[in-house]
Amino acid sequence: MEITVGILGFLLVVAVLIIVFLGDFRQAGQLYISNNNGNNGVSESNYSEEEQAKFKKEIKRQKLIIDELKRRAEEERKNHKIVSKQQNTSAEMIDLARQKQIIEQEKVLFQEKNKKLWDQSIAIHKEKDRIDILRKNIETKHNEIVDSINYAKRIQTALVTTKEYIDEYLDDYCVFWKPRNVVSGDFYWAKQIDTGLLVVVSDCTGHGVPGAFMSLLGISFLNEITAHNLTIEPVEILEQLRVKVKYSLKQNDNMYTNKDGMDMACILINKDTKTIKFAGANNPMWMFRDNEIIDFSAVKNPVGIFRKEKNFAQELINYREDDIIYLFSDGYADQFGGEKDTKYKRVNFKNFLLNISQQKLKMNSVADSLEHNFNAWKGDSSQTDDVIVMGIRL
């Protein structure tokens, strides 16, 4: 800015001098012309030759001065262009430097972000590798547990009374047995003794592996109790079984003792006398006869420790041909499902059994109906508990 003002001042001074010199030059020229006779020489004049020579010399000097001033002005103009160009170049260089600095800063930021992303990527890969190892370990443990449970199921199935054994003594019966977790706390058991066929349907505390352990304990005790007493009564079985469960599980009257045990229905079918002896521990027996239901209640005690312990009771029942009896756990009636995800309830279960009993279906078809109805009610809900229903047509 200062350079530009200086140049403009210099040019203004030059312009004033040129105007002054041009005025003097014009005056000298007029004097020369007025005394010139039209040729290059000087004729008669009011001025002497010396004065005329002096005028010519002055004119020549002023022309030289003017030419010098023009030359300097041109140089100043060129210098001004060079300076302006240099200033522009300098400004451009400053802008380029700033842009380069900004680019360098952005480059540094970009490199830092890339480093962070790379570090995060490495951390993610390490975490993924760790998770993959954990997943493989979990899968291995899971497979081991599943294999163990499946093996336990084979053991439990082998200990439960076989279909071939029951077929020898019952003509028309069904068993709907649906464990919640592969192995079951519900089980059924049958044995022919001198006085008839003993049949037990039991619901042990818990389900899955703990329930299965209890079921194996119950089956073992039933075999032991009936091994040397072939005229034993159902009520005696429940009483002896309660003693063995309490002793084996170290149950006493202490309030902190475990409350594990079994709910059980035990019957003795005597085809010769057409009688049934029934004893129940919390689990009843239902008999369907002539489109009616007869409910035989159980003593409200489990097979195991109980705060208000009662003696078990036994009932003698005369049956008719084509009567149907059902023994069951509470798993079927307690299953959640339906539109409102509520319990199925015993009243609905009883009405369903009454309906299919009136249809005079074979018992294997009854088992299919039980399974279909159970699955339809359960829908997408998870299974609540182990389920067992045993039906016998007499």
Protein backbone atom coordinates (compact mmCIF):
# COMPACT_ATOMS: atom_id res chain seq x y z
CA MET A 1 0.00 0.00 0.00
CA GLU A 2 2.85 2.46 0.86
CA ILE A 3 4.66 1.59 -2.39
CA THR A 4 1.52 2.39 -4.40
CA VAL A 5 1.08 5.80 -2.73
CA GLY A 6 4.76 6.66 -3.39
CA ILE A 7 4.49 5.76 -7.08
CA LEU A 8 1.32 7.82 -7.49
CA GLY A 9 3.07 10.84 -5.84
CA PHE A 10 6.08 10.48 -8.11
CA LEU A 11 3.90 10.29 -11.21
CA LEU A 12 2.03 13.43 -10.11
CA VAL A 13 5.31 15.37 -9.73
CA VAL A 14 6.46 14.17 -13.16
CA ALA A 15 3.16 15.27 -14.69
CA VAL A 16 3.51 18.80 -13.21
CA LEU A 17 7.09 19.14 -14.51
CA ILE A 18 6.06 17.98 -17.93
CA ILE A 19 3.30 20.62 -18.01
CA VAL A 20 5.77 23.35 -16.94
CA PHE A 21 8.44 22.27 -19.41
CA LEU A 22 5.87 21.94 -22.17
CA GLY A 23 4.78 25.55 -21.47
CA ASP A 24 8.36 26.80 -21.70
CA PHE A 25 8.99 24.66 -24.73
CA ARG A 26 5.86 25.97 -26.47
CA GLN A 27 6.92 29.61 -25.77
CA ALA A 28 10.42 29.03 -27.11
CA GLY A 29 9.01 27.37 -30.19
CA GLN A 30 6.69 30.29 -30.91
CA LEU A 31 9.63 32.66 -30.69
CA TYR A 32 11.60 30.50 -33.01
CA ILE A 33 8.77 30.22 -35.54
CA SER A 34 7.98 33.92 -35.50
CA ASN A 35 11.61 34.69 -36.48
CA ASN A 36 11.95 31.82 -38.92
CA ASN A 37 11.50 32.59 -42.62
CA GLY A 38 10.19 29.08 -43.37
CA ASN A 39 13.54 27.30 -43.88
CA ASN A 40 16.00 25.70 -41.55
CA GLY A 41 18.18 28.72 -41.20
CA VAL A 42 17.61 31.88 -39.06
CA SER A 43 17.07 35.11 -40.93
CA GLU A 44 16.36 38.51 -39.74
CA SER A 45 15.00 38.50 -36.22
CA ASN A 46 14.62 40.54 -33.13
CA TYR A 47 16.94 38.05 -31.43
CA SER A 48 20.60 37.78 -31.99
CA GLU A 49 22.16 34.61 -33.26
CA GLU A 50 23.58 33.96 -29.84
CA GLU A 51 20.14 34.21 -28.27
CA GLN A 52 18.61 32.01 -30.94
CA ALA A 53 21.34 29.43 -30.39
CA LYS A 54 20.65 29.61 -26.70
CA PHE A 55 16.92 28.98 -27.33
CA LYS A 56 17.65 25.96 -29.48
CA LYS A 57 20.00 24.59 -26.89
CA GLU A 58 17.38 25.10 -24.17
CA ILE A 59 14.71 23.40 -26.28
CA LYS A 60 16.98 20.45 -26.87
CA ARG A 61 17.80 20.23 -23.17
CA GLN A 62 14.14 20.30 -22.20
CA LYS A 63 13.37 17.56 -24.74
CA LEU A 64 16.08 15.46 -23.19
CA ILE A 65 14.68 16.12 -19.74
CA ILE A 66 11.18 15.19 -20.92
CA ASP A 67 12.47 12.00 -22.57
CA GLU A 68 14.31 11.11 -19.36
CA LEU A 69 11.21 11.78 -17.30
CA LYS A 70 9.14 9.57 -19.64
CA ARG A 71 11.75 6.85 -19.44
CA ARG A 72 11.76 7.01 -15.65
CA ALA A 73 7.96 7.04 -15.58
CA GLU A 74 7.93 3.94 -17.80
CA GLU A 75 10.45 2.25 -15.56
CA GLU A 76 8.41 3.16 -12.52
CA ARG A 77 5.32 1.73 -14.21
CA LYS A 78 7.18 -1.50 -15.01
CA ASN A 79 8.57 -1.64 -11.49
CA HIS A 80 5.07 -1.08 -10.16
CA LYS A 81 3.82 -4.05 -12.23
CA ILE A 82 6.71 -6.17 -10.98
CA VAL A 83 6.06 -5.12 -7.38
CA SER A 84 2.31 -5.79 -7.79
CA LYS A 85 3.10 -9.15 -9.32
CA GLN A 86 5.50 -9.90 -6.50
CA GLN A 87 2.88 -8.84 -3.98
CA ASN A 88 0.30 -11.07 -5.66
CA THR A 89 2.83 -13.87 -5.82
CA SER A 90 3.67 -13.31 -2.16
CA ALA A 91 -0.03 -13.32 -1.23
CA GLU A 92 -0.53 -16.47 -3.24
CA MET A 93 2.48 -18.03 -1.55
CA ILE A 94 1.06 -17.04 1.85
CA ASP A 95 -2.30 -18.60 0.91
CA LEU A 96 -0.56 -21.70 -0.34
CA ALA A 97 1.46 -21.88 2.88
CA ARG A 98 -1.70 -21.56 4.93
CA GLN A 99 -3.45 -24.18 2.85
CA LYS A 100 -0.43 -26.45 3.17
CA GLN A 101 -0.44 -25.91 6.95
CA ILE A 102 -4.17 -26.71 7.12
CA ILE A 103 -3.62 -29.80 4.97
CA GLU A 104 -0.76 -30.90 7.23
CA GLN A 105 -2.94 -30.40 10.31
CA GLU A 106 -5.80 -32.35 8.73
CA LYS A 107 -3.32 -35.02 7.71
CA VAL A 108 -2.12 -35.32 11.31
CA LEU A 109 -5.71 -35.50 12.57
CA PHE A 110 -6.52 -38.09 9.92
CA GLN A 111 -3.49 -40.15 10.91
CA GLU A 112 -4.50 -39.94 14.57
CA LYS A 113 -8.04 -41.05 13.73
CA ASN A 114 -6.68 -43.87 11.60
CA LYS A 115 -4.46 -44.94 14.49
CA LYS A 116 -7.43 -44.92 16.87
CA LEU A 117 -9.51 -46.89 14.39
CA TRP A 118 -6.69 -49.35 13.92
CA ASP A 119 -6.27 -49.72 17.69
CA GLN A 120 -10.02 -50.25 18.02
CA SER A 121 -9.96 -52.76 15.19
CA ILE A 122 -7.14 -54.67 16.88
CA ALA A 123 -9.05 -54.59 20.19
CA ILE A 124 -12.23 -55.79 18.49
CA HIS A 125 -10.38 -58.64 16.79
CA LYS A 126 -8.79 -59.64 20.09
CA GLU A 127 -12.19 -59.53 21.81
CA LYS A 128 -13.73 -61.51 18.95
CA ASP A 129 -11.00 -64.15 19.30
CA ARG A 130 -11.62 -64.27 23.06
CA ILE A 131 -15.38 -64.59 22.51
CA ASP A 132 -14.83 -67.31 19.90
CA ILE A 133 -12.72 -69.25 22.41
CA LEU A 134 -15.38 -68.80 25.10
CA ARG A 135 -18.12 -69.81 22.65
CA LYS A 136 -16.24 -72.95 21.69
CA ASN A 137 -15.68 -73.77 25.37
CA ILE A 138 -19.36 -73.18 26.10
CA GLU A 139 -20.39 -75.31 23.12
CA THR A 140 -18.08 -78.07 24.32
CA LYS A 141 -19.48 -77.90 27.86
CA HIS A 142 -23.02 -77.71 26.49
CA ASN A 143 -22.48 -80.77 24.31
CA GLU A 144 -20.98 -82.64 27.25
CA ILE A 145 -23.96 -81.72 29.45
CA VAL A 146 -26.47 -82.63 26.73
CA ASP A 147 -24.72 -85.96 26.16
CA SER A 148 -24.78 -86.61 29.90
CA ILE A 149 -28.48 -85.74 30.17
CA ASN A 150 -29.33 -87.90 27.15
CA TYR A 151 -27.45 -90.76 28.75
CA ALA A 152 -29.35 -90.13 32.00
CA LYS A 153 -32.57 -90.28 29.98
CA ARG A 154 -31.62 -93.74 28.70
CA ILE A 155 -30.98 -94.85 32.28
CA GLN A 156 -34.30 -93.40 33.48
CA THR A 157 -36.21 -94.96 30.58
CA ALA A 158 -34.60 -98.32 31.33
CA LEU A 159 -35.67 -98.16 34.99
CA VAL A 160 -39.26 -97.16 34.22
CA THR A 161 -41.49 -100.19 33.73
CA THR A 162 -41.38 -101.20 30.08
CA LYS A 163 -44.36 -101.23 27.73
CA GLU A 164 -43.80 -104.93 27.05
CA TYR A 165 -44.16 -105.72 30.77
CA ILE A 166 -47.40 -103.72 31.18
CA ASP A 167 -48.86 -105.21 27.96
CA GLU A 168 -48.84 -108.62 29.68
CA TYR A 169 -51.33 -107.46 32.33
CA LEU A 170 -53.33 -104.61 30.75
CA ASP A 171 -55.30 -104.87 27.51
CA ASP A 172 -56.09 -101.20 26.83
CA TYR A 173 -54.12 -98.38 28.41
CA CYS A 174 -52.08 -95.29 27.47
CA VAL A 175 -49.26 -93.21 28.90
CA PHE A 176 -48.73 -89.58 27.90
CA TRP A 177 -45.30 -88.76 29.35
CA LYS A 178 -43.68 -85.47 28.41
CA PRO A 179 -40.59 -84.37 30.38
CA ARG A 180 -39.89 -80.67 30.45
CA ASN A 181 -36.09 -81.01 30.18
CA VAL A 182 -35.24 -84.36 28.55
CA VAL A 183 -35.25 -86.23 31.88
CA SER A 184 -38.25 -86.08 34.14
CA GLY A 185 -39.27 -85.81 37.77
CA ASP A 186 -42.55 -87.56 36.84
CA PHE A 187 -42.50 -91.32 36.43
CA TYR A 188 -44.75 -94.35 36.27
CA TRP A 189 -44.10 -97.83 37.62
CA ALA A 190 -45.95 -101.17 37.60
CA LYS A 191 -45.43 -104.58 39.13
CA GLN A 192 -47.48 -107.77 39.27
CA ILE A 193 -47.72 -109.23 42.77
CA ASP A 194 -49.79 -112.09 44.22
CA THR A 195 -52.84 -109.90 44.85
CA GLY A 196 -52.92 -108.06 41.55
CA LEU A 197 -51.15 -105.42 39.47
CA LEU A 198 -49.59 -102.50 41.32
CA VAL A 199 -49.52 -99.24 39.33
CA VAL A 200 -47.87 -96.03 40.52
CA VAL A 201 -47.85 -92.57 38.92
CA SER A 202 -45.62 -90.11 40.75
CA ASP A 203 -44.62 -86.44 40.59
CA CYS A 204 -41.28 -85.76 42.30
CA THR A 205 -40.13 -82.39 43.60
CA GLY A 206 -38.47 -80.40 40.83
CA HIS A 207 -37.92 -81.29 37.21
CA GLY A 208 -34.97 -81.88 34.93
CA VAL A 209 -31.90 -83.47 36.49
CA PRO A 210 -32.88 -82.89 40.19
CA GLY A 211 -36.36 -84.32 39.54
CA ALA A 212 -34.85 -87.25 37.65
CA PHE A 213 -32.62 -88.09 40.62
CA MET A 214 -35.69 -88.14 42.85
CA SER A 215 -37.54 -90.34 40.36
CA LEU A 216 -34.69 -92.85 40.30
CA LEU A 217 -34.72 -92.86 44.10
CA GLY A 218 -38.49 -93.48 44.10
CA ILE A 219 -38.28 -96.33 41.57
CA SER A 220 -35.44 -97.93 43.55
CA PHE A 221 -37.44 -97.74 46.79
CA LEU A 222 -40.58 -99.18 45.14
CA ASN A 223 -38.59 -102.15 43.86
CA GLU A 224 -37.05 -102.62 47.29
CA ILE A 225 -40.36 -102.38 49.17
CA THR A 226 -42.14 -104.91 46.93
CA ALA A 227 -39.22 -107.30 46.49
CA HIS A 228 -40.12 -109.60 49.41
CA ASN A 229 -43.76 -108.66 50.08
CA LEU A 230 -46.02 -109.85 47.27
CA THR A 231 -49.25 -109.09 49.17
CA ILE A 232 -48.47 -105.50 50.14
CA GLU A 233 -51.24 -102.90 50.09
CA PRO A 234 -50.98 -99.47 48.35
CA VAL A 235 -51.29 -97.61 51.65
CA GLU A 236 -48.41 -99.62 53.10
CA ILE A 237 -46.28 -98.74 50.08
CA LEU A 238 -46.85 -95.01 50.69
CA GLU A 239 -46.06 -95.29 54.39
CA GLN A 240 -42.86 -97.27 53.88
CA LEU A 241 -41.81 -95.04 51.01
CA ARG A 242 -42.24 -91.94 53.17
CA VAL A 243 -39.96 -93.41 55.84
CA LYS A 244 -37.27 -94.27 53.30
CA VAL A 245 -37.41 -90.83 51.61
CA LYS A 246 -37.12 -88.99 54.92
CA TYR A 247 -34.26 -91.20 56.05
CA SER A 248 -32.35 -91.05 52.74
CA LEU A 249 -32.69 -87.26 52.39
CA LYS A 250 -31.93 -86.75 56.10
CA GLN A 251 -35.22 -84.98 56.68
CA ASN A 252 -36.30 -84.17 60.24
CA ASP A 253 -38.55 -81.73 62.02
CA ASN A 254 -36.00 -78.91 61.76
CA MET A 255 -37.53 -75.95 59.91
CA TYR A 256 -34.38 -75.66 57.76
CA THR A 257 -34.57 -79.19 56.43
CA ASN A 258 -35.19 -79.73 52.71
CA LYS A 259 -38.78 -80.34 51.65
CA ASP A 260 -38.06 -82.71 48.75
CA GLY A 261 -40.54 -85.51 48.25
CA MET A 262 -43.13 -87.04 45.92
CA ASP A 263 -46.83 -86.70 45.15
CA MET A 264 -48.12 -90.13 44.23
CA ALA A 265 -51.16 -92.18 43.28
CA CYS A 266 -50.85 -95.92 43.95
CA ILE A 267 -53.45 -98.53 42.92
CA LEU A 268 -53.76 -102.31 43.07
CA ILE A 269 -55.94 -103.81 40.32
CA ASN A 270 -57.39 -107.25 41.05
CA LYS A 271 -59.08 -108.64 37.96
CA ASP A 272 -60.39 -111.68 39.82
CA THR A 273 -62.39 -109.65 42.32
CA LYS A 274 -62.83 -106.65 39.97
CA THR A 275 -61.62 -104.30 42.63
CA ILE A 276 -59.19 -101.43 42.86
CA LYS A 277 -57.42 -100.42 46.02
CA PHE A 278 -56.37 -96.76 45.88
CA ALA A 279 -54.08 -94.72 48.12
CA GLY A 280 -52.98 -91.20 47.21
CA ALA A 281 -50.40 -88.71 48.44
CA ASN A 282 -51.74 -85.38 47.12
CA ASN A 283 -52.57 -86.99 43.73
CA PRO A 284 -56.15 -88.25 43.20
CA MET A 285 -57.63 -90.89 40.91
CA TRP A 286 -60.47 -90.16 38.47
CA MET A 287 -62.84 -92.84 37.27
CA PHE A 288 -65.08 -92.32 34.22
CA ARG A 289 -68.24 -94.46 34.21
CA ASP A 290 -71.45 -94.01 32.16
CA ASN A 291 -70.54 -90.44 31.14
CA GLU A 292 -69.91 -89.48 34.75
CA ILE A 293 -66.77 -88.71 36.74
CA ILE A 294 -66.00 -90.20 40.12
CA ASP A 295 -63.24 -88.32 41.95
CA PHE A 296 -61.26 -90.29 44.54
CA SER A 297 -59.38 -87.80 46.66
CA ALA A 298 -55.89 -88.23 48.10
CA VAL A 299 -54.55 -87.44 51.56
CA LYS A 300 -53.07 -83.94 51.54
CA ASN A 301 -49.58 -85.11 52.39
CA PRO A 302 -46.54 -85.77 50.20
CA VAL A 303 -44.30 -88.79 50.40
CA GLY A 304 -41.63 -87.03 52.45
CA ILE A 305 -41.34 -84.51 55.27
CA PHE A 306 -44.45 -82.44 56.01
CA ARG A 307 -45.29 -80.07 58.84
CA LYS A 308 -48.79 -81.53 59.46
CA GLU A 309 -48.07 -85.16 58.74
CA LYS A 310 -51.08 -87.52 58.44
CA ASN A 311 -51.40 -91.24 57.97
CA PHE A 312 -52.16 -92.26 54.42
CA ALA A 313 -55.58 -93.80 53.71
CA GLN A 314 -56.75 -96.51 51.32
CA GLU A 315 -60.06 -96.95 49.51
CA LEU A 316 -61.54 -100.14 48.06
CA ILE A 317 -63.42 -99.62 44.79
CA ASN A 318 -65.51 -102.06 42.81
CA TYR A 319 -65.15 -101.43 39.10
CA ARG A 320 -67.18 -102.39 36.08
CA GLU A 321 -66.04 -103.44 32.66
CA ASP A 322 -65.25 -100.45 30.42
CA ASP A 323 -64.65 -98.15 33.38
CA ILE A 324 -61.68 -95.87 32.70
CA ILE A 325 -59.35 -94.62 35.41
CA TYR A 326 -56.78 -91.82 35.10
CA LEU A 327 -53.69 -91.24 37.24
CA PHE A 328 -51.72 -88.05 36.61
CA SER A 329 -49.36 -85.36 37.87
CA ASP A 330 -50.29 -81.68 38.06
CA GLY A 331 -48.17 -80.77 35.00
CA TYR A 332 -51.02 -80.99 32.48
CA ALA A 333 -53.45 -78.78 34.41
CA ASP A 334 -50.73 -76.28 35.40
CA GLN A 335 -49.55 -75.65 31.83
CA PHE A 336 -49.74 -72.00 30.76
CA GLY A 337 -51.17 -71.15 27.35
CA GLY A 338 -54.27 -70.04 25.49
CA GLU A 339 -55.04 -66.50 24.36
CA LYS A 340 -54.40 -65.00 27.82
CA ASP A 341 -51.45 -67.25 28.73
CA THR A 342 -53.18 -68.68 31.82
CA LYS A 343 -53.18 -72.12 33.47
CA TYR A 344 -55.21 -74.85 31.82
CA LYS A 345 -56.68 -75.81 35.25
CA ARG A 346 -58.01 -79.14 36.53
CA VAL A 347 -61.65 -78.40 35.70
CA ASN A 348 -60.81 -78.03 31.99
CA PHE A 349 -58.58 -81.10 32.15
CA LYS A 350 -61.40 -83.13 33.74
CA ASN A 351 -63.95 -81.97 31.12
CA PHE A 352 -61.55 -82.82 28.32
CA LEU A 353 -61.04 -86.36 29.69
CA LEU A 354 -64.80 -86.75 30.07
CA ASN A 355 -65.35 -85.70 26.47
CA ILE A 356 -62.82 -88.13 24.97
CA SER A 357 -64.02 -90.91 27.27
CA GLN A 358 -67.55 -90.50 25.92
CA GLN A 359 -66.18 -91.06 22.41
CA LYS A 360 -65.24 -94.67 23.30
CA LEU A 361 -61.79 -94.23 21.79
CA LYS A 362 -59.03 -96.76 22.08
CA MET A 363 -56.58 -95.66 24.72
CA ASN A 364 -53.72 -95.19 22.25
CA SER A 365 -55.98 -92.68 20.45
CA VAL A 366 -56.66 -91.03 23.80
CA ALA A 367 -52.90 -90.51 24.21
CA ASP A 368 -52.78 -88.81 20.79
CA SER A 369 -55.71 -86.56 21.79
CA LEU A 370 -53.99 -85.67 25.06
CA GLU A 371 -50.80 -84.66 23.26
CA HIS A 372 -52.61 -82.68 20.56
CA ASN A 373 -54.73 -80.79 23.11
CA PHE A 374 -51.69 -80.07 25.30
CA ASN A 375 -49.63 -78.67 22.42
CA ALA A 376 -52.56 -76.62 21.12
CA TRP A 377 -53.08 -75.04 24.54
CA LYS A 378 -49.36 -74.44 25.15
CA GLY A 379 -48.81 -72.81 21.76
CA ASP A 380 -45.62 -70.75 21.78
CA SER A 381 -45.35 -70.79 25.58
CA SER A 382 -42.58 -72.81 27.20
CA GLN A 383 -43.52 -76.01 29.00
CA THR A 384 -44.22 -75.27 32.65
CA ASP A 385 -43.51 -78.64 34.28
CA ASP A 386 -43.07 -82.34 33.62
CA VAL A 387 -46.30 -83.99 32.45
CA ILE A 388 -47.59 -87.54 32.91
CA VAL A 389 -51.09 -88.92 32.37
CA MET A 390 -51.86 -92.65 32.54
CA GLY A 391 -55.24 -93.99 31.45
CA ILE A 392 -56.44 -97.58 31.94
CA ARG A 393 -59.61 -99.11 30.52
CA LEU A 394 -60.71 -101.88 32.88
